[in-house]
Amino acid sequence: MNIWLFNYSWVWLIALPILVCLYRCKKVGVVRIFPHLYFFGTVGKWRNLEWLLKALVVLLMVAALAAPVVVDYSDPRNRNGIDIVLSIDGSGSMNASGFGAEDKRASRFEIVQRIASDFVMKRLEDNVGVVLFGDFAFIASPVTYEKEIVSEMIGYLSHGMAGQNTAIGEGIAMSVRALRDSKAKSKVIILLTDGEHNSGAISPKEAIALVQKNKIKLYTIGIGQKGEFDNALLAQLARDGGGKFFTASDEKELQGVYDEIDTMERSSIKSEKHTFKEHYYWMPLLGALGIMMLLLWRRRKVM
């Protein structure tokens, strides 16, 4: 995934006063306060081709100063080193409606799908996987850098695919398994549920031992109304997993939870100065020089 950026976006502010001055100085009687105004043309030439070319030179020079770059986030050197697994409750209770801020008919699971997909697409530099759990758990998408595929796979899931009950221990254990081959220095599981642990062959206690053994950080999110999910268990799991416990009673709060986790889980392995970029300042600079040569040639020809 290639993204165009400017290292110094604020430099574009330079162009505004120059262009304003260029526009106003075409009028008779305006005090000229900018040096070398002859470069911008004479009175009455606002709309002619020569003026437009000179204005374009200004914009291209400012673009060069802003230092346009392309960051290729598909390059492994530009990854932050975080592997994340979203462990999502797909039990029957996730079909309940009334959780949405606008669409009250949407089920909890449908809202979680939208917010989780958005979270995945924001993690430009990370690998992400998905686990769905109910009576049992399965890896819906392995940990991968192909975020578009992960987001699409989340859209294919539905509540009840893994059974009607809530096997929190299975969800955690399968998430650990999804991270088994991870070489990342930072590994994270984000578990979301709206119920209590009531199924599965693996207990939450056994599952959290696997998390600790593999040095994985665990965040837990309980959604729905108070009493619908096990606050004490989810809080204890997050503490033991070195993460944080969140609650969300509606769509807006859940979006805020994922936004907070997104902010918290930013690896210090990479920083801006270590990001590999391709610099393209020479492109607008070359264009500006070409137009200036054309204008000088034209002026010399007229003289």
C-alpha atoms as a PDB file:
ATOM      1  CA  MET A   1       0.000   0.000   0.000  1.00  0.00           C
ATOM      2  CA  ASN A   2       1.619   3.243  -1.184  1.00  0.00           C
ATOM      3  CA  ILE A   3       0.663   6.543   0.461  1.00  0.00           C
ATOM      4  CA  TRP A   4       1.686  10.001  -0.777  1.00  0.00           C
ATOM      5  CA  LEU A   5       2.678  12.406   1.995  1.00  0.00           C
ATOM      6  CA  PHE A   6       4.429  15.744   2.456  1.00  0.00           C
ATOM      7  CA  ASN A   7       7.217  15.894   5.051  1.00  0.00           C
ATOM      8  CA  TYR A   8       6.573  19.609   5.583  1.00  0.00           C
ATOM      9  CA  SER A   9       2.910  20.270   4.803  1.00  0.00           C
ATOM     10  CA  TRP A  10       3.003  23.654   6.533  1.00  0.00           C
ATOM     11  CA  VAL A  11       5.254  24.974   3.728  1.00  0.00           C
ATOM     12  CA  TRP A  12       2.125  25.268   1.565  1.00  0.00           C
ATOM     13  CA  LEU A  13       1.242  28.343   3.633  1.00  0.00           C
ATOM     14  CA  ILE A  14       4.057  30.152   1.813  1.00  0.00           C
ATOM     15  CA  ALA A  15       2.173  29.951  -1.470  1.00  0.00           C
ATOM     16  CA  LEU A  16      -0.880  31.831  -0.189  1.00  0.00           C
ATOM     17  CA  PRO A  17       0.658  35.288   0.464  1.00  0.00           C
ATOM     18  CA  ILE A  18       2.682  35.066  -2.756  1.00  0.00           C
ATOM     19  CA  LEU A  19      -0.373  34.311  -4.870  1.00  0.00           C
ATOM     20  CA  VAL A  20      -2.455  36.972  -3.081  1.00  0.00           C
ATOM     21  CA  CYS A  21       0.271  39.519  -3.726  1.00  0.00           C
ATOM     22  CA  LEU A  22       0.494  38.361  -7.317  1.00  0.00           C
ATOM     23  CA  TYR A  23      -3.235  38.872  -7.753  1.00  0.00           C
ATOM     24  CA  ARG A  24      -3.407  42.280  -6.079  1.00  0.00           C
ATOM     25  CA  CYS A  25      -0.313  43.685  -7.773  1.00  0.00           C
ATOM     26  CA  LYS A  26      -1.973  43.461 -11.152  1.00  0.00           C
ATOM     27  CA  LYS A  27      -4.139  46.414 -10.113  1.00  0.00           C
ATOM     28  CA  VAL A  28      -2.975  49.977 -10.719  1.00  0.00           C
ATOM     29  CA  GLY A  29      -2.259  51.972  -7.594  1.00  0.00           C
ATOM     30  CA  VAL A  30      -1.578  49.026  -5.295  1.00  0.00           C
ATOM     31  CA  VAL A  31       1.522  49.443  -3.156  1.00  0.00           C
ATOM     32  CA  ARG A  32       4.091  46.824  -4.117  1.00  0.00           C
ATOM     33  CA  ILE A  33       5.777  45.307  -1.075  1.00  0.00           C
ATOM     34  CA  PHE A  34       7.184  42.105  -2.597  1.00  0.00           C
ATOM     35  CA  PRO A  35      10.704  42.251  -4.121  1.00  0.00           C
ATOM     36  CA  HIS A  36      11.342  41.397  -7.774  1.00  0.00           C
ATOM     37  CA  LEU A  37       7.737  41.785  -8.851  1.00  0.00           C
ATOM     38  CA  TYR A  38       8.830  41.832 -12.487  1.00  0.00           C
ATOM     39  CA  PHE A  39       8.993  38.039 -12.213  1.00  0.00           C
ATOM     40  CA  PHE A  40       5.226  37.872 -11.810  1.00  0.00           C
ATOM     41  CA  GLY A  41       4.338  39.880 -14.907  1.00  0.00           C
ATOM     42  CA  THR A  42       2.912  43.323 -15.588  1.00  0.00           C
ATOM     43  CA  VAL A  43      -0.442  45.001 -14.954  1.00  0.00           C
ATOM     44  CA  GLY A  44      -3.386  43.445 -16.746  1.00  0.00           C
ATOM     45  CA  LYS A  45      -1.833  40.015 -17.313  1.00  0.00           C
ATOM     46  CA  TRP A  46      -3.750  38.110 -14.656  1.00  0.00           C
ATOM     47  CA  ARG A  47      -5.395  35.697 -17.052  1.00  0.00           C
ATOM     48  CA  ASN A  48      -2.831  35.303 -19.783  1.00  0.00           C
ATOM     49  CA  LEU A  49      -0.805  32.155 -20.267  1.00  0.00           C
ATOM     50  CA  GLU A  50       2.443  33.713 -19.102  1.00  0.00           C
ATOM     51  CA  TRP A  51       0.965  34.666 -15.736  1.00  0.00           C
ATOM     52  CA  LEU A  52      -0.529  31.213 -15.271  1.00  0.00           C
ATOM     53  CA  LEU A  53       2.834  29.606 -15.984  1.00  0.00           C
ATOM     54  CA  LYS A  54       4.528  31.872 -13.446  1.00  0.00           C
ATOM     55  CA  ALA A  55       1.891  31.038 -10.829  1.00  0.00           C
ATOM     56  CA  LEU A  56       2.468  27.361 -11.580  1.00  0.00           C
ATOM     57  CA  VAL A  57       6.210  27.849 -11.000  1.00  0.00           C
ATOM     58  CA  VAL A  58       5.431  29.234  -7.537  1.00  0.00           C
ATOM     59  CA  LEU A  59       3.215  26.260  -6.685  1.00  0.00           C
ATOM     60  CA  LEU A  60       5.729  23.731  -7.959  1.00  0.00           C
ATOM     61  CA  MET A  61       8.578  25.352  -6.011  1.00  0.00           C
ATOM     62  CA  VAL A  62       6.479  25.284  -2.829  1.00  0.00           C
ATOM     63  CA  ALA A  63       5.571  21.633  -3.518  1.00  0.00           C
ATOM     64  CA  ALA A  64       9.280  20.820  -3.787  1.00  0.00           C
ATOM     65  CA  LEU A  65       9.958  22.589  -0.474  1.00  0.00           C
ATOM     66  CA  ALA A  66       7.140  20.570   1.144  1.00  0.00           C
ATOM     67  CA  ALA A  67       9.165  17.440   0.262  1.00  0.00           C
ATOM     68  CA  PRO A  68       6.663  14.973  -1.217  1.00  0.00           C
ATOM     69  CA  VAL A  69       7.379  11.360  -0.307  1.00  0.00           C
ATOM     70  CA  VAL A  70       5.831   7.947  -0.856  1.00  0.00           C
ATOM     71  CA  VAL A  71       5.712   5.485   2.037  1.00  0.00           C
ATOM     72  CA  ASP A  72       5.280   1.880   0.941  1.00  0.00           C
ATOM     73  CA  TYR A  73       3.642   0.146   3.899  1.00  0.00           C
ATOM     74  CA  SER A  74       3.858  -3.201   2.130  1.00  0.00           C
ATOM     75  CA  ASP A  75       7.629  -3.007   2.685  1.00  0.00           C
ATOM     76  CA  PRO A  76       8.420  -5.122   5.790  1.00  0.00           C
ATOM     77  CA  ARG A  77      10.914  -2.452   6.885  1.00  0.00           C
ATOM     78  CA  ASN A  78       8.001  -0.048   7.471  1.00  0.00           C
ATOM     79  CA  ARG A  79       6.055  -2.282   9.834  1.00  0.00           C
ATOM     80  CA  ASN A  80       5.795  -1.499  13.521  1.00  0.00           C
ATOM     81  CA  GLY A  81       6.199  -5.088  14.650  1.00  0.00           C
ATOM     82  CA  ILE A  82       2.729  -5.565  16.209  1.00  0.00           C
ATOM     83  CA  ASP A  83       0.667  -8.690  15.533  1.00  0.00           C
ATOM     84  CA  ILE A  84      -2.974  -8.358  16.593  1.00  0.00           C
ATOM     85  CA  VAL A  85      -5.763 -10.929  16.863  1.00  0.00           C
ATOM     86  CA  LEU A  86      -9.381  -9.801  17.193  1.00  0.00           C
ATOM     87  CA  SER A  87     -11.218 -12.486  19.180  1.00  0.00           C
ATOM     88  CA  ILE A  88     -14.929 -11.887  18.581  1.00  0.00           C
ATOM     89  CA  ASP A  89     -17.911 -13.411  20.346  1.00  0.00           C
ATOM     90  CA  GLY A  90     -20.241 -15.023  17.788  1.00  0.00           C
ATOM     91  CA  SER A  91     -22.730 -16.533  20.256  1.00  0.00           C
ATOM     92  CA  GLY A  92     -26.515 -16.331  19.892  1.00  0.00           C
ATOM     93  CA  SER A  93     -26.822 -13.302  22.183  1.00  0.00           C
ATOM     94  CA  MET A  94     -24.810 -11.238  19.677  1.00  0.00           C
ATOM     95  CA  ASN A  95     -27.957 -11.229  17.517  1.00  0.00           C
ATOM     96  CA  ALA A  96     -29.625  -8.824  19.958  1.00  0.00           C
ATOM     97  CA  SER A  97     -30.575  -5.429  18.530  1.00  0.00           C
ATOM     98  CA  GLY A  98     -30.750  -1.956  20.069  1.00  0.00           C
ATOM     99  CA  PHE A  99     -26.985  -1.501  20.351  1.00  0.00           C
ATOM    100  CA  GLY A 100     -26.674   0.856  17.379  1.00  0.00           C
ATOM    101  CA  ALA A 101     -26.634   4.639  17.647  1.00  0.00           C
ATOM    102  CA  GLU A 102     -28.676   5.197  14.489  1.00  0.00           C
ATOM    103  CA  ASP A 103     -29.819   1.812  13.184  1.00  0.00           C
ATOM    104  CA  LYS A 104     -31.594   0.310  16.185  1.00  0.00           C
ATOM    105  CA  ARG A 105     -32.494  -2.794  14.177  1.00  0.00           C
ATOM    106  CA  ALA A 106     -28.861  -3.734  13.532  1.00  0.00           C
ATOM    107  CA  SER A 107     -27.603  -6.597  15.684  1.00  0.00           C
ATOM    108  CA  ARG A 108     -24.643  -6.299  18.024  1.00  0.00           C
ATOM    109  CA  PHE A 109     -22.689  -8.603  15.771  1.00  0.00           C
ATOM    110  CA  GLU A 110     -23.306  -6.435  12.672  1.00  0.00           C
ATOM    111  CA  ILE A 111     -22.132  -3.323  14.530  1.00  0.00           C
ATOM    112  CA  VAL A 112     -19.033  -5.135  15.825  1.00  0.00           C
ATOM    113  CA  GLN A 113     -18.285  -6.221  12.255  1.00  0.00           C
ATOM    114  CA  ARG A 114     -18.309  -2.618  11.013  1.00  0.00           C
ATOM    115  CA  ILE A 115     -16.193  -1.230  13.853  1.00  0.00           C
ATOM    116  CA  ALA A 116     -13.731  -4.138  13.789  1.00  0.00           C
ATOM    117  CA  SER A 117     -13.301  -3.828  10.003  1.00  0.00           C
ATOM    118  CA  ASP A 118     -12.593  -0.114  10.381  1.00  0.00           C
ATOM    119  CA  PHE A 119     -10.044  -0.860  13.130  1.00  0.00           C
ATOM    120  CA  VAL A 120      -8.276  -3.397  10.902  1.00  0.00           C
ATOM    121  CA  MET A 121      -7.961  -0.943   7.997  1.00  0.00           C
ATOM    122  CA  LYS A 122      -6.394   1.662  10.307  1.00  0.00           C
ATOM    123  CA  ARG A 123      -3.552  -0.675  11.312  1.00  0.00           C
ATOM    124  CA  LEU A 124      -1.490   0.105   8.224  1.00  0.00           C
ATOM    125  CA  GLU A 125       1.795  -1.150   9.608  1.00  0.00           C
ATOM    126  CA  ASP A 126       0.643  -4.258  11.480  1.00  0.00           C
ATOM    127  CA  ASN A 127      -0.426  -7.852  10.913  1.00  0.00           C
ATOM    128  CA  VAL A 128      -3.984  -8.685  11.963  1.00  0.00           C
ATOM    129  CA  GLY A 129      -5.966 -11.922  12.368  1.00  0.00           C
ATOM    130  CA  VAL A 130      -9.504 -12.819  13.492  1.00  0.00           C
ATOM    131  CA  VAL A 131     -10.870 -15.559  15.749  1.00  0.00           C
ATOM    132  CA  LEU A 132     -14.594 -16.254  16.186  1.00  0.00           C
ATOM    133  CA  PHE A 133     -15.851 -18.140  19.240  1.00  0.00           C
ATOM    134  CA  GLY A 134     -19.125 -19.546  20.516  1.00  0.00           C
ATOM    135  CA  ASP A 135     -19.390 -23.153  21.745  1.00  0.00           C
ATOM    136  CA  PHE A 136     -15.942 -23.538  20.210  1.00  0.00           C
ATOM    137  CA  ALA A 137     -13.476 -21.212  18.510  1.00  0.00           C
ATOM    138  CA  PHE A 138     -11.884 -21.145  15.075  1.00  0.00           C
ATOM    139  CA  ILE A 139      -9.430 -18.940  13.204  1.00  0.00           C
ATOM    140  CA  ALA A 140     -11.510 -16.992  10.682  1.00  0.00           C
ATOM    141  CA  SER A 141      -8.460 -15.236   9.261  1.00  0.00           C
ATOM    142  CA  PRO A 142      -4.805 -16.008  10.040  1.00  0.00           C
ATOM    143  CA  VAL A 143      -2.520 -13.197  11.116  1.00  0.00           C
ATOM    144  CA  THR A 144      -1.606 -11.426   7.894  1.00  0.00           C
ATOM    145  CA  TYR A 145      -0.564  -8.083   6.464  1.00  0.00           C
ATOM    146  CA  GLU A 146      -3.382  -8.190   3.858  1.00  0.00           C
ATOM    147  CA  LYS A 147      -5.838  -5.977   5.728  1.00  0.00           C
ATOM    148  CA  GLU A 148      -8.321  -5.847   2.856  1.00  0.00           C
ATOM    149  CA  ILE A 149      -8.692  -9.633   3.022  1.00  0.00           C
ATOM    150  CA  VAL A 150      -9.090  -9.591   6.823  1.00  0.00           C
ATOM    151  CA  SER A 151     -11.710  -6.851   6.625  1.00  0.00           C
ATOM    152  CA  GLU A 152     -13.570  -8.746   3.909  1.00  0.00           C
ATOM    153  CA  MET A 153     -13.458 -11.964   5.941  1.00  0.00           C
ATOM    154  CA  ILE A 154     -14.981 -10.191   8.957  1.00  0.00           C
ATOM    155  CA  GLY A 155     -17.890  -9.234   6.712  1.00  0.00           C
ATOM    156  CA  TYR A 156     -18.477 -12.901   5.839  1.00  0.00           C
ATOM    157  CA  LEU A 157     -18.848 -13.962   9.472  1.00  0.00           C
ATOM    158  CA  SER A 158     -22.190 -14.283  11.250  1.00  0.00           C
ATOM    159  CA  HIS A 159     -23.362 -14.994  14.788  1.00  0.00           C
ATOM    160  CA  GLY A 160     -24.024 -18.643  15.501  1.00  0.00           C
ATOM    161  CA  MET A 161     -21.298 -19.914  13.164  1.00  0.00           C
ATOM    162  CA  ALA A 162     -19.416 -21.311  16.165  1.00  0.00           C
ATOM    163  CA  GLY A 163     -22.476 -22.217  18.243  1.00  0.00           C
ATOM    164  CA  GLN A 164     -24.866 -20.384  20.545  1.00  0.00           C
ATOM    165  CA  ASN A 165     -22.902 -20.389  23.812  1.00  0.00           C
ATOM    166  CA  THR A 166     -19.864 -18.412  24.997  1.00  0.00           C
ATOM    167  CA  ALA A 167     -16.533 -20.202  25.349  1.00  0.00           C
ATOM    168  CA  ILE A 168     -14.251 -17.354  26.409  1.00  0.00           C
ATOM    169  CA  GLY A 169     -11.421 -19.727  27.280  1.00  0.00           C
ATOM    170  CA  GLU A 170     -11.583 -21.278  23.815  1.00  0.00           C
ATOM    171  CA  GLY A 171     -11.574 -17.814  22.213  1.00  0.00           C
ATOM    172  CA  ILE A 172      -8.415 -16.816  24.055  1.00  0.00           C
ATOM    173  CA  ALA A 173      -6.657 -20.149  23.499  1.00  0.00           C
ATOM    174  CA  MET A 174      -7.394 -20.122  19.759  1.00  0.00           C
ATOM    175  CA  SER A 175      -6.119 -16.534  19.548  1.00  0.00           C
ATOM    176  CA  VAL A 176      -2.864 -17.645  21.174  1.00  0.00           C
ATOM    177  CA  ARG A 177      -2.675 -20.419  18.591  1.00  0.00           C
ATOM    178  CA  ALA A 178      -3.176 -17.855  15.800  1.00  0.00           C
ATOM    179  CA  LEU A 179      -0.100 -16.024  17.140  1.00  0.00           C
ATOM    180  CA  ARG A 180       1.940 -19.227  17.523  1.00  0.00           C
ATOM    181  CA  ASP A 181       4.223 -18.534  14.565  1.00  0.00           C
ATOM    182  CA  SER A 182       4.436 -14.783  15.162  1.00  0.00           C
ATOM    183  CA  LYS A 183       7.927 -13.282  15.153  1.00  0.00           C
ATOM    184  CA  ALA A 184       6.678  -9.859  16.254  1.00  0.00           C
ATOM    185  CA  LYS A 185       8.143  -8.305  19.380  1.00  0.00           C
ATOM    186  CA  SER A 186       4.670  -7.148  20.407  1.00  0.00           C
ATOM    187  CA  LYS A 187       1.655  -9.490  20.273  1.00  0.00           C
ATOM    188  CA  VAL A 188      -1.873  -8.433  21.220  1.00  0.00           C
ATOM    189  CA  ILE A 189      -5.273 -10.113  21.620  1.00  0.00           C
ATOM    190  CA  ILE A 190      -8.430  -7.989  21.754  1.00  0.00           C
ATOM    191  CA  LEU A 191     -11.284 -10.143  23.048  1.00  0.00           C
ATOM    192  CA  LEU A 192     -14.883  -8.913  22.754  1.00  0.00           C
ATOM    193  CA  THR A 193     -17.932 -10.592  24.301  1.00  0.00           C
ATOM    194  CA  ASP A 194     -21.453  -9.781  25.480  1.00  0.00           C
ATOM    195  CA  GLY A 195     -21.861 -12.828  27.720  1.00  0.00           C
ATOM    196  CA  GLU A 196     -20.424 -15.046  30.428  1.00  0.00           C
ATOM    197  CA  HIS A 197     -18.123 -18.033  30.035  1.00  0.00           C
ATOM    198  CA  ASN A 198     -20.413 -21.079  29.865  1.00  0.00           C
ATOM    199  CA  SER A 199     -18.918 -23.496  27.349  1.00  0.00           C
ATOM    200  CA  GLY A 200     -15.749 -25.035  25.970  1.00  0.00           C
ATOM    201  CA  ALA A 201     -13.093 -27.508  27.120  1.00  0.00           C
ATOM    202  CA  ILE A 202     -10.597 -24.781  28.088  1.00  0.00           C
ATOM    203  CA  SER A 203     -11.209 -22.630  31.144  1.00  0.00           C
ATOM    204  CA  PRO A 204     -10.343 -18.902  31.219  1.00  0.00           C
ATOM    205  CA  LYS A 205      -7.715 -19.696  33.860  1.00  0.00           C
ATOM    206  CA  GLU A 206      -5.996 -22.185  31.554  1.00  0.00           C
ATOM    207  CA  ALA A 207      -6.277 -19.765  28.636  1.00  0.00           C
ATOM    208  CA  ILE A 208      -4.692 -16.838  30.485  1.00  0.00           C
ATOM    209  CA  ALA A 209      -1.784 -19.112  31.432  1.00  0.00           C
ATOM    210  CA  LEU A 210      -1.155 -19.589  27.698  1.00  0.00           C
ATOM    211  CA  VAL A 211      -1.276 -15.819  27.190  1.00  0.00           C
ATOM    212  CA  GLN A 212       1.323 -15.258  29.891  1.00  0.00           C
ATOM    213  CA  LYS A 213       3.542 -18.095  28.675  1.00  0.00           C
ATOM    214  CA  ASN A 214       3.646 -16.636  25.158  1.00  0.00           C
ATOM    215  CA  LYS A 215       4.137 -13.038  26.389  1.00  0.00           C
ATOM    216  CA  ILE A 216       0.957 -11.765  24.765  1.00  0.00           C
ATOM    217  CA  LYS A 217      -0.979  -8.703  25.897  1.00  0.00           C
ATOM    218  CA  LEU A 218      -4.716  -9.219  26.361  1.00  0.00           C
ATOM    219  CA  TYR A 219      -7.406  -6.541  26.155  1.00  0.00           C
ATOM    220  CA  THR A 220     -10.991  -7.466  27.025  1.00  0.00           C
ATOM    221  CA  ILE A 221     -14.205  -5.665  26.006  1.00  0.00           C
ATOM    222  CA  GLY A 222     -17.634  -6.356  27.498  1.00  0.00           C
ATOM    223  CA  ILE A 223     -20.543  -4.997  25.457  1.00  0.00           C
ATOM    224  CA  GLY A 224     -24.216  -4.642  26.358  1.00  0.00           C
ATOM    225  CA  GLN A 225     -25.986  -3.645  29.519  1.00  0.00           C
ATOM    226  CA  LYS A 226     -24.649  -4.123  33.035  1.00  0.00           C
ATOM    227  CA  GLY A 227     -25.051  -7.721  34.177  1.00  0.00           C
ATOM    228  CA  GLU A 228     -25.086  -9.219  30.687  1.00  0.00           C
ATOM    229  CA  PHE A 229     -21.357  -9.973  30.731  1.00  0.00           C
ATOM    230  CA  ASP A 230     -18.980 -11.064  33.492  1.00  0.00           C
ATOM    231  CA  ASN A 231     -17.258  -7.849  34.595  1.00  0.00           C
ATOM    232  CA  ALA A 232     -15.136  -9.522  37.230  1.00  0.00           C
ATOM    233  CA  LEU A 233     -13.827 -12.237  34.893  1.00  0.00           C
ATOM    234  CA  LEU A 234     -13.054  -9.885  31.993  1.00  0.00           C
ATOM    235  CA  ALA A 235     -11.332  -7.411  34.314  1.00  0.00           C
ATOM    236  CA  GLN A 236      -9.223 -10.189  35.877  1.00  0.00           C
ATOM    237  CA  LEU A 237      -8.269 -11.580  32.466  1.00  0.00           C
ATOM    238  CA  ALA A 238      -7.113  -8.140  31.317  1.00  0.00           C
ATOM    239  CA  ARG A 239      -5.083  -7.588  34.477  1.00  0.00           C
ATOM    240  CA  ASP A 240      -3.425 -10.991  34.223  1.00  0.00           C
ATOM    241  CA  GLY A 241      -2.819 -10.432  30.512  1.00  0.00           C
ATOM    242  CA  GLY A 242      -1.145  -7.063  31.035  1.00  0.00           C
ATOM    243  CA  GLY A 243      -3.851  -5.213  29.134  1.00  0.00           C
ATOM    244  CA  LYS A 244      -6.979  -3.268  30.035  1.00  0.00           C
ATOM    245  CA  PHE A 245     -10.679  -4.018  30.504  1.00  0.00           C
ATOM    246  CA  PHE A 246     -13.291  -1.906  28.706  1.00  0.00           C
ATOM    247  CA  THR A 247     -17.076  -1.773  28.682  1.00  0.00           C
ATOM    248  CA  ALA A 248     -19.398  -0.411  26.008  1.00  0.00           C
ATOM    249  CA  SER A 249     -23.162  -0.081  26.327  1.00  0.00           C
ATOM    250  CA  ASP A 250     -23.716   1.160  22.778  1.00  0.00           C
ATOM    251  CA  GLU A 251     -22.097   1.612  19.379  1.00  0.00           C
ATOM    252  CA  LYS A 252     -20.578   5.019  20.184  1.00  0.00           C
ATOM    253  CA  GLU A 253     -18.829   3.736  23.301  1.00  0.00           C
ATOM    254  CA  LEU A 254     -17.528   0.674  21.449  1.00  0.00           C
ATOM    255  CA  GLN A 255     -16.062   2.878  18.727  1.00  0.00           C
ATOM    256  CA  GLY A 256     -14.345   4.887  21.454  1.00  0.00           C
ATOM    257  CA  VAL A 257     -12.888   1.703  22.963  1.00  0.00           C
ATOM    258  CA  TYR A 258     -11.318   0.591  19.682  1.00  0.00           C
ATOM    259  CA  ASP A 259     -10.031   4.121  19.061  1.00  0.00           C
ATOM    260  CA  GLU A 260      -8.365   4.134  22.487  1.00  0.00           C
ATOM    261  CA  ILE A 261      -6.763   0.737  21.923  1.00  0.00           C
ATOM    262  CA  ASP A 262      -5.610   1.918  18.492  1.00  0.00           C
ATOM    263  CA  THR A 263      -3.884   4.869  20.164  1.00  0.00           C
ATOM    264  CA  MET A 264      -2.372   2.799  22.983  1.00  0.00           C
ATOM    265  CA  GLU A 265      -0.957   0.049  20.791  1.00  0.00           C
ATOM    266  CA  ARG A 266       1.594   2.024  18.813  1.00  0.00           C
ATOM    267  CA  SER A 267       4.940   0.296  18.824  1.00  0.00           C
ATOM    268  CA  SER A 268       8.092   2.207  19.757  1.00  0.00           C
ATOM    269  CA  ILE A 269      10.129  -0.130  17.550  1.00  0.00           C
ATOM    270  CA  LYS A 270       9.696   2.241  14.634  1.00  0.00           C
ATOM    271  CA  SER A 271       9.624   6.008  14.649  1.00  0.00           C
ATOM    272  CA  GLU A 272       9.226   8.579  11.901  1.00  0.00           C
ATOM    273  CA  LYS A 273      12.971   8.866  11.359  1.00  0.00           C
ATOM    274  CA  HIS A 274      13.231   5.112  10.821  1.00  0.00           C
ATOM    275  CA  THR A 275      10.460   4.932   8.227  1.00  0.00           C
ATOM    276  CA  PHE A 276      11.712   4.106   4.749  1.00  0.00           C
ATOM    277  CA  LYS A 277      10.456   6.581   2.141  1.00  0.00           C
ATOM    278  CA  GLU A 278      10.944   7.428  -1.500  1.00  0.00           C
ATOM    279  CA  HIS A 279      11.523  11.148  -2.016  1.00  0.00           C
ATOM    280  CA  TYR A 280      10.004  12.916  -5.007  1.00  0.00           C
ATOM    281  CA  TYR A 281      10.873  16.595  -4.396  1.00  0.00           C
ATOM    282  CA  TRP A 282      12.794  16.520  -7.665  1.00  0.00           C
ATOM    283  CA  MET A 283       9.618  16.067  -9.716  1.00  0.00           C
ATOM    284  CA  PRO A 284       7.969  19.457  -8.959  1.00  0.00           C
ATOM    285  CA  LEU A 285      11.417  21.072  -8.892  1.00  0.00           C
ATOM    286  CA  LEU A 286      12.182  19.749 -12.372  1.00  0.00           C
ATOM    287  CA  GLY A 287       8.777  20.946 -13.586  1.00  0.00           C
ATOM    288  CA  ALA A 288       9.360  24.434 -12.170  1.00  0.00           C
ATOM    289  CA  LEU A 289      12.802  24.671 -13.758  1.00  0.00           C
ATOM    290  CA  GLY A 290      11.386  23.545 -17.102  1.00  0.00           C
ATOM    291  CA  ILE A 291       8.696  26.230 -17.059  1.00  0.00           C
ATOM    292  CA  MET A 292      11.229  28.894 -15.994  1.00  0.00           C
ATOM    293  CA  MET A 293      13.499  27.921 -18.901  1.00  0.00           C
ATOM    294  CA  LEU A 294      10.524  28.256 -21.248  1.00  0.00           C
ATOM    295  CA  LEU A 295       9.660  31.694 -19.879  1.00  0.00           C
ATOM    296  CA  LEU A 296      13.288  32.880 -20.125  1.00  0.00           C
ATOM    297  CA  TRP A 297      13.521  31.605 -23.693  1.00  0.00           C
ATOM    298  CA  ARG A 298      10.284  33.360 -24.601  1.00  0.00           C
ATOM    299  CA  ARG A 299      11.390  36.643 -23.009  1.00  0.00           C
ATOM    300  CA  ARG A 300      14.766  36.492 -24.749  1.00  0.00           C
ATOM    301  CA  LYS A 301      13.032  35.813 -28.055  1.00  0.00           C
ATOM    302  CA  VAL A 302      10.746  38.858 -27.582  1.00  0.00           C
ATOM    303  CA  MET A 303      13.721  41.080 -26.674  1.00  0.00           C
END
